[in-house]
Amino acid sequence: MWETKRELWIASTTASSADAKQLTDIRSSVSSPQWSPDGAHLVATVGRRDHSLTAVLDVQGGVLQGVHYIAPSTDRDLAPQWSPEGNHIAFLRVGGAEAKRPLIPQRVTPWSLWVADAHTYTAAPIWKSGDAPRDSLPPFATGQLLFAAEGKVVFGSEADGRNHLYSIAATGGSATLLTPGDYDVEEASLSPDKRSVLLSSNEDDVDRRHTWKVPVAGGSAPEALAKGDTIEWSPVATGDGKELVCLGSSAVTPGLVYRLSGGARELITKDALPKDFPAAQLVIPKQVILKAADGLTIHGQLFEARACLDLHPWWTAPADDARLQLHGLLQ
């Protein structure tokens, strides 16, 4: 099942491409589909320009049997997620789009976290954002909403000024901060038992991204899955839960697939990098920290010429600074 032409299409995994067929024919667009744990239903977002709805689609034999809208409104629903047992659905809700709204001054985008009954299609908010600018819907929010085990919902918020993960009971209550500290969380996924969150962040390394693991229930600090001078992101677990993998790179290698074990990473796709890849000619940048006039700390990277000098002798790098000068043009 996939999205195309603003609708959902479906095909058997054993059939030919000619057997693909359109599943939905719903006004506007259908996106973010997810199968229920029993495979009998889909939850998706139905977009209608200035508002969007969360819909449960009944599917039988590859044919759409019915569409049920959850607590329909003129707001915009986002990122629906099934609970592990398939009885509930979590989703985000923000206000409907306003036409001809001035760009200045900037306004807060309040939002809320809702949980619905997948059988009665009723829903209620279990958490609401504040009214400060930092309480606006964060850019990573739709990718950080996860319905975990034991009735816990994980979500991302910038309520404390940084993008962090929180967990909250599906029935509501106080949210638990899972990733405290002066850093931002980007990607998040659940372990197969749905009791832990696998995430990427710049914790303890502001210039890089590494992978971490933290229990959904909270109570302990995130555990580093890989650290060092490399970069890791998009951590996921295999279906049996025995392996953790991620995408990773370094200053001299592109993004490849790695296995995570014992706080280190092991390259899985060893043959994916061409044997003549010019890693030896690439430069490892140096960290440069500057202070702006307003006191803001700026992180930069300094690339000092190395391999290019052998390839193009008309470039020189003065020893006293990192500027490159083109002889004959800059002199």
Protein backbone atom coordinates (compact mmCIF):
# COMPACT_ATOMS: atom_id res chain seq x y z
CA MET A 1 0.00 0.00 0.00
CA TRP A 2 1.34 3.44 -0.90
CA GLU A 3 0.40 7.04 -1.65
CA THR A 4 0.16 8.37 -5.18
CA LYS A 5 -2.03 10.88 -7.02
CA ARG A 6 -3.28 12.10 -3.62
CA GLU A 7 -4.92 8.72 -2.93
CA LEU A 8 -3.93 5.31 -1.52
CA TRP A 9 -3.12 2.41 -3.80
CA ILE A 10 -2.76 -1.25 -2.90
CA ALA A 11 -1.26 -4.41 -4.36
CA SER A 12 -0.50 -7.93 -3.18
CA THR A 13 3.14 -8.58 -2.33
CA THR A 14 3.00 -11.70 -4.51
CA ALA A 15 1.17 -10.12 -7.46
CA SER A 16 2.53 -8.38 -10.52
CA SER A 17 2.56 -4.61 -10.86
CA ALA A 18 -0.46 -4.89 -13.16
CA ASP A 19 -2.57 -5.95 -10.17
CA ALA A 20 -2.05 -2.65 -8.33
CA LYS A 21 -5.28 -0.75 -7.86
CA GLN A 22 -6.55 2.43 -6.30
CA LEU A 23 -7.89 1.82 -2.79
CA THR A 24 -9.40 5.20 -1.92
CA ASP A 25 -11.39 7.83 -3.78
CA ILE A 26 -11.73 10.50 -1.11
CA ARG A 27 -12.05 14.23 -1.69
CA SER A 28 -8.75 16.14 -1.39
CA SER A 29 -5.76 14.00 -0.32
CA VAL A 30 -5.01 10.93 1.77
CA SER A 31 -1.64 10.58 3.52
CA SER A 32 0.24 9.03 6.48
CA PRO A 33 -1.44 5.60 6.22
CA GLN A 34 -0.76 2.92 8.84
CA TRP A 35 -2.14 -0.61 9.07
CA SER A 36 -3.76 -1.65 12.32
CA PRO A 37 -2.02 -4.49 14.19
CA ASP A 38 -4.65 -6.99 12.95
CA GLY A 39 -4.32 -5.78 9.35
CA ALA A 40 -8.06 -5.15 8.96
CA HIS A 41 -8.01 -1.35 9.11
CA LEU A 42 -5.98 1.63 8.07
CA VAL A 43 -5.65 4.96 9.81
CA ALA A 44 -4.77 7.93 7.63
CA THR A 45 -4.92 11.70 7.41
CA VAL A 46 -7.44 13.18 4.99
CA GLY A 47 -6.32 16.66 3.99
CA ARG A 48 -8.78 19.31 2.84
CA ARG A 49 -6.56 22.35 2.29
CA ASP A 50 -7.48 24.47 5.34
CA HIS A 51 -8.16 21.52 7.66
CA SER A 52 -7.47 17.79 7.89
CA LEU A 53 -9.16 14.79 9.46
CA THR A 54 -8.07 11.51 11.02
CA ALA A 55 -9.89 8.63 9.33
CA VAL A 56 -10.15 4.88 9.97
CA LEU A 57 -10.52 2.90 6.75
CA ASP A 58 -12.07 -0.59 6.79
CA VAL A 59 -10.30 -2.79 4.24
CA GLN A 60 -11.28 -6.34 3.30
CA GLY A 61 -9.74 -8.35 0.49
CA GLY A 62 -7.98 -5.27 -0.80
CA VAL A 63 -11.27 -3.38 -1.12
CA LEU A 64 -12.29 -0.31 0.88
CA GLN A 65 -15.44 -1.15 2.86
CA GLY A 66 -15.95 2.03 4.88
CA VAL A 67 -14.50 5.32 6.12
CA HIS A 68 -14.93 6.60 9.69
CA TYR A 69 -13.78 10.06 10.75
CA ILE A 70 -12.47 10.51 14.29
CA ALA A 71 -13.81 13.54 16.18
CA PRO A 72 -14.04 15.60 12.94
CA SER A 73 -13.40 19.33 13.23
CA THR A 74 -12.10 22.31 11.27
CA ASP A 75 -8.63 21.84 12.83
CA ARG A 76 -5.70 20.04 11.24
CA ASP A 77 -4.96 16.49 12.39
CA LEU A 78 -1.48 15.02 11.88
CA ALA A 79 0.60 11.84 12.31
CA PRO A 80 -1.96 9.20 13.44
CA GLN A 81 -0.49 6.20 15.29
CA TRP A 82 -2.09 2.89 16.33
CA SER A 83 -1.70 1.58 19.85
CA PRO A 84 0.11 -1.78 20.02
CA GLU A 85 -3.15 -3.69 20.63
CA GLY A 86 -5.06 -1.70 18.00
CA ASN A 87 -7.78 -0.34 20.28
CA HIS A 88 -6.66 3.29 20.31
CA ILE A 89 -5.17 5.88 17.97
CA ALA A 90 -2.99 8.85 18.92
CA PHE A 91 -2.69 11.94 16.72
CA LEU A 92 -1.66 15.60 16.82
CA ARG A 93 -4.08 18.47 16.32
CA VAL A 94 -3.36 22.10 15.44
CA GLY A 95 -5.69 24.93 14.48
CA GLY A 96 -7.11 25.17 10.98
CA ALA A 97 -5.32 27.28 8.39
CA GLU A 98 -6.31 30.94 8.20
CA ALA A 99 -6.43 32.67 4.82
CA LYS A 100 -4.58 35.98 4.26
CA ARG A 101 -2.99 35.89 7.69
CA PRO A 102 -0.19 38.51 8.03
CA LEU A 103 3.33 37.08 8.28
CA ILE A 104 4.33 39.71 10.85
CA PRO A 105 4.22 39.51 13.78
CA GLN A 106 5.01 35.83 14.25
CA ARG A 107 2.31 33.96 16.08
CA VAL A 108 2.34 30.95 18.37
CA THR A 109 1.12 27.68 16.83
CA PRO A 110 -0.53 25.89 19.76
CA TRP A 111 -1.19 22.19 19.41
CA SER A 112 -2.50 19.24 21.36
CA LEU A 113 -2.10 15.48 21.63
CA TRP A 114 -5.27 13.42 21.24
CA VAL A 115 -6.13 9.76 21.82
CA ALA A 116 -9.14 8.14 20.15
CA ASP A 117 -11.14 4.98 20.67
CA ALA A 118 -10.66 2.99 17.47
CA HIS A 119 -14.12 1.39 17.80
CA THR A 120 -16.35 4.34 18.70
CA TYR A 121 -14.28 6.95 16.80
CA THR A 122 -14.48 9.38 19.72
CA ALA A 123 -11.40 11.23 20.94
CA ALA A 124 -10.20 13.62 23.62
CA PRO A 125 -7.01 15.64 24.23
CA ILE A 126 -4.56 14.23 26.78
CA TRP A 127 -1.96 17.03 26.55
CA LYS A 128 -1.96 20.65 25.35
CA SER A 129 0.92 23.01 24.58
CA GLY A 130 1.46 26.36 26.27
CA ASP A 131 1.11 29.85 24.85
CA ALA A 132 4.78 30.89 24.63
CA PRO A 133 6.55 31.00 21.24
CA ARG A 134 8.67 27.96 22.17
CA ASP A 135 5.44 26.00 22.75
CA SER A 136 4.60 26.06 19.03
CA LEU A 137 4.42 22.80 17.11
CA PRO A 138 8.09 21.73 16.64
CA PRO A 139 9.37 20.74 13.18
CA PHE A 140 10.11 17.15 14.27
CA ALA A 141 6.74 16.58 15.98
CA THR A 142 5.10 14.44 13.31
CA GLY A 143 8.03 12.01 13.25
CA GLN A 144 8.28 11.73 17.03
CA LEU A 145 4.73 10.69 17.91
CA LEU A 146 4.87 7.03 18.99
CA PHE A 147 2.30 4.80 20.70
CA ALA A 148 4.37 2.66 23.05
CA ALA A 149 3.65 -0.31 25.31
CA GLU A 150 1.73 -0.19 28.59
CA GLY A 151 -0.53 2.61 27.40
CA LYS A 152 2.24 5.19 26.95
CA VAL A 153 2.41 7.81 24.20
CA VAL A 154 5.77 9.37 23.27
CA PHE A 155 5.87 12.83 21.71
CA GLY A 156 8.32 15.65 21.02
CA SER A 157 8.07 19.18 22.39
CA GLU A 158 10.21 22.32 22.65
CA ALA A 159 8.54 23.43 25.88
CA ASP A 160 11.92 23.88 27.61
CA GLY A 161 13.58 25.54 24.63
CA ARG A 162 15.11 22.37 23.14
CA ASN A 163 13.45 19.60 21.16
CA HIS A 164 12.99 16.75 23.66
CA LEU A 165 10.98 13.56 23.97
CA TYR A 166 8.27 13.08 26.59
CA SER A 167 5.99 10.19 27.50
CA ILE A 168 2.49 10.39 28.88
CA ALA A 169 -0.24 7.91 29.76
CA ALA A 170 -2.83 7.47 27.01
CA THR A 171 -5.44 8.43 29.60
CA GLY A 172 -3.71 11.75 30.31
CA GLY A 173 -1.83 13.13 33.28
CA SER A 174 1.65 14.58 33.71
CA ALA A 175 4.22 14.12 30.95
CA THR A 176 7.62 12.61 31.79
CA LEU A 177 10.73 14.15 30.23
CA LEU A 178 12.79 11.34 28.68
CA THR A 179 15.74 13.30 27.26
CA PRO A 180 16.77 16.11 29.60
CA GLY A 181 19.74 18.27 28.69
CA ASP A 182 21.06 21.02 26.45
CA TYR A 183 20.60 19.25 23.11
CA ASP A 184 17.96 18.43 20.50
CA VAL A 185 16.39 15.11 19.53
CA GLU A 186 15.74 14.58 15.84
CA GLU A 187 14.54 11.09 14.83
CA ALA A 188 12.80 8.55 17.03
CA SER A 189 11.50 5.00 16.67
CA LEU A 190 10.35 2.26 19.03
CA SER A 191 12.10 -0.98 19.90
CA PRO A 192 10.16 -4.15 18.89
CA ASP A 193 8.77 -4.55 22.42
CA LYS A 194 7.74 -0.87 22.30
CA ARG A 195 9.26 -0.24 25.74
CA SER A 196 12.25 1.77 24.57
CA VAL A 197 12.82 4.67 22.19
CA LEU A 198 15.70 4.65 19.72
CA LEU A 199 16.69 8.20 18.85
CA SER A 200 19.28 10.43 17.26
CA SER A 201 20.50 13.63 18.91
CA ASN A 202 23.51 15.88 19.43
CA GLU A 203 23.78 15.09 23.13
CA ASP A 204 27.36 15.63 24.38
CA ASP A 205 28.44 16.44 20.80
CA VAL A 206 26.86 19.61 19.45
CA ASP A 207 28.44 19.29 15.99
CA ARG A 208 27.41 15.67 15.31
CA ARG A 209 24.45 13.32 15.58
CA HIS A 210 24.66 10.02 17.42
CA THR A 211 22.19 7.28 18.33
CA TRP A 212 20.74 6.63 21.78
CA LYS A 213 18.25 4.43 23.60
CA VAL A 214 15.97 5.45 26.47
CA PRO A 215 13.14 3.58 28.25
CA VAL A 216 9.63 4.86 27.57
CA ALA A 217 8.83 4.78 31.26
CA GLY A 218 11.70 7.19 31.99
CA GLY A 219 13.76 7.01 35.16
CA SER A 220 17.16 6.66 33.48
CA ALA A 221 19.33 8.72 31.17
CA PRO A 222 19.62 7.89 27.45
CA GLU A 223 22.18 5.15 26.70
CA ALA A 224 24.67 5.89 23.92
CA LEU A 225 24.60 3.32 21.10
CA ALA A 226 27.52 4.90 19.24
CA LYS A 227 29.82 7.87 19.85
CA GLY A 228 33.05 9.37 18.54
CA ASP A 229 34.10 11.34 15.48
CA THR A 230 31.47 9.68 13.29
CA ILE A 231 27.82 10.57 12.68
CA GLU A 232 24.84 8.23 13.14
CA TRP A 233 21.13 8.68 12.50
CA SER A 234 17.86 6.81 11.76
CA PRO A 235 18.31 4.03 14.35
CA VAL A 236 15.91 1.08 14.04
CA ALA A 237 15.69 -2.44 15.43
CA THR A 238 15.25 -5.61 13.42
CA GLY A 239 11.89 -7.36 13.74
CA ASP A 240 13.20 -9.98 16.16
CA GLY A 241 14.77 -7.31 18.36
CA LYS A 242 18.19 -8.92 18.22
CA GLU A 243 19.96 -6.28 16.15
CA LEU A 244 20.10 -2.49 16.06
CA VAL A 245 21.04 -0.79 12.81
CA CYS A 246 21.42 2.80 11.65
CA LEU A 247 22.72 4.99 8.88
CA GLY A 248 26.16 6.41 9.51
CA SER A 249 28.86 8.49 7.91
CA SER A 250 32.09 10.30 8.68
CA ALA A 251 34.04 13.21 7.27
CA VAL A 252 35.51 10.94 4.59
CA THR A 253 32.75 8.37 4.00
CA PRO A 254 29.13 8.78 2.83
CA GLY A 255 26.02 7.45 4.55
CA LEU A 256 26.04 3.64 4.82
CA VAL A 257 24.23 1.00 6.89
CA TYR A 258 25.84 -0.02 10.20
CA ARG A 259 25.13 -2.52 12.95
CA LEU A 260 25.22 -1.07 16.48
CA SER A 261 26.74 -3.17 19.25
CA GLY A 262 28.65 -2.50 22.45
CA GLY A 263 28.68 1.27 21.96
CA ALA A 264 30.33 0.98 18.56
CA ARG A 265 29.22 0.49 14.98
CA GLU A 266 30.08 -2.14 12.37
CA LEU A 267 29.68 -1.57 8.65
CA ILE A 268 27.17 -3.97 7.11
CA THR A 269 27.16 -2.73 3.52
CA LYS A 270 30.91 -3.11 2.96
CA ASP A 271 30.53 -3.57 -0.80
CA ALA A 272 28.35 -0.49 -1.22
CA LEU A 273 31.35 1.85 -1.27
CA PRO A 274 33.37 1.71 -4.52
CA LYS A 275 36.93 0.50 -4.10
CA ASP A 276 38.21 3.64 -5.78
CA PHE A 277 36.25 5.98 -3.48
CA PRO A 278 38.68 8.88 -2.80
CA ALA A 279 38.47 8.85 1.00
CA ALA A 280 42.19 9.60 1.32
CA GLN A 281 41.73 12.82 -0.65
CA LEU A 282 38.94 14.17 1.56
CA VAL A 283 39.58 16.59 4.41
CA ILE A 284 38.50 16.13 8.03
CA PRO A 285 37.23 19.54 9.15
CA LYS A 286 38.32 21.22 12.36
CA GLN A 287 35.88 22.74 14.81
CA VAL A 288 35.81 26.55 14.90
CA ILE A 289 33.82 28.39 17.58
CA LEU A 290 33.14 32.10 17.14
CA LYS A 291 31.41 34.72 19.23
CA ALA A 292 28.95 36.96 17.41
CA ALA A 293 28.59 40.63 18.27
CA ASP A 294 25.44 39.89 20.25
CA GLY A 295 27.23 37.22 22.28
CA LEU A 296 25.75 34.23 20.43
CA THR A 297 28.12 31.25 20.09
CA ILE A 298 28.56 30.20 16.46
CA HIS A 299 29.90 26.75 15.52
CA GLY A 300 31.73 26.50 12.22
CA GLN A 301 33.99 24.08 10.37
CA LEU A 302 37.43 24.80 8.97
CA PHE A 303 38.51 22.81 5.91
CA GLU A 304 42.24 23.06 5.36
CA ALA A 305 43.51 22.26 1.87
CA ARG A 306 45.25 18.90 1.53
CA ALA A 307 44.55 16.58 -1.36
CA CYS A 308 43.55 19.39 -3.71
CA LEU A 309 47.12 20.71 -3.61
CA ASP A 310 48.40 17.56 -5.29
CA LEU A 311 45.63 17.54 -7.86
CA HIS A 312 45.64 21.26 -8.64
CA PRO A 313 49.02 22.91 -7.92
CA TRP A 314 47.62 26.33 -8.84
CA TRP A 315 45.91 26.37 -5.39
CA THR A 316 47.93 27.35 -2.31
CA ALA A 317 47.00 27.43 1.36
CA PRO A 318 48.99 30.00 3.38
CA ALA A 319 50.30 28.57 6.61
CA ASP A 320 49.09 31.51 8.68
CA ASP A 321 45.41 31.03 7.82
CA ALA A 322 42.99 28.74 6.06
CA ARG A 323 42.23 30.90 3.03
CA LEU A 324 42.78 29.47 -0.43
CA GLN A 325 44.22 31.80 -3.06
CA LEU A 326 44.04 31.33 -6.80
CA HIS A 327 47.37 32.45 -8.28
CA GLY A 328 47.02 34.87 -11.13
CA LEU A 329 43.50 35.88 -10.15
CA LEU A 330 43.67 36.92 -6.50
CA GLN A 331 47.17 38.38 -6.45
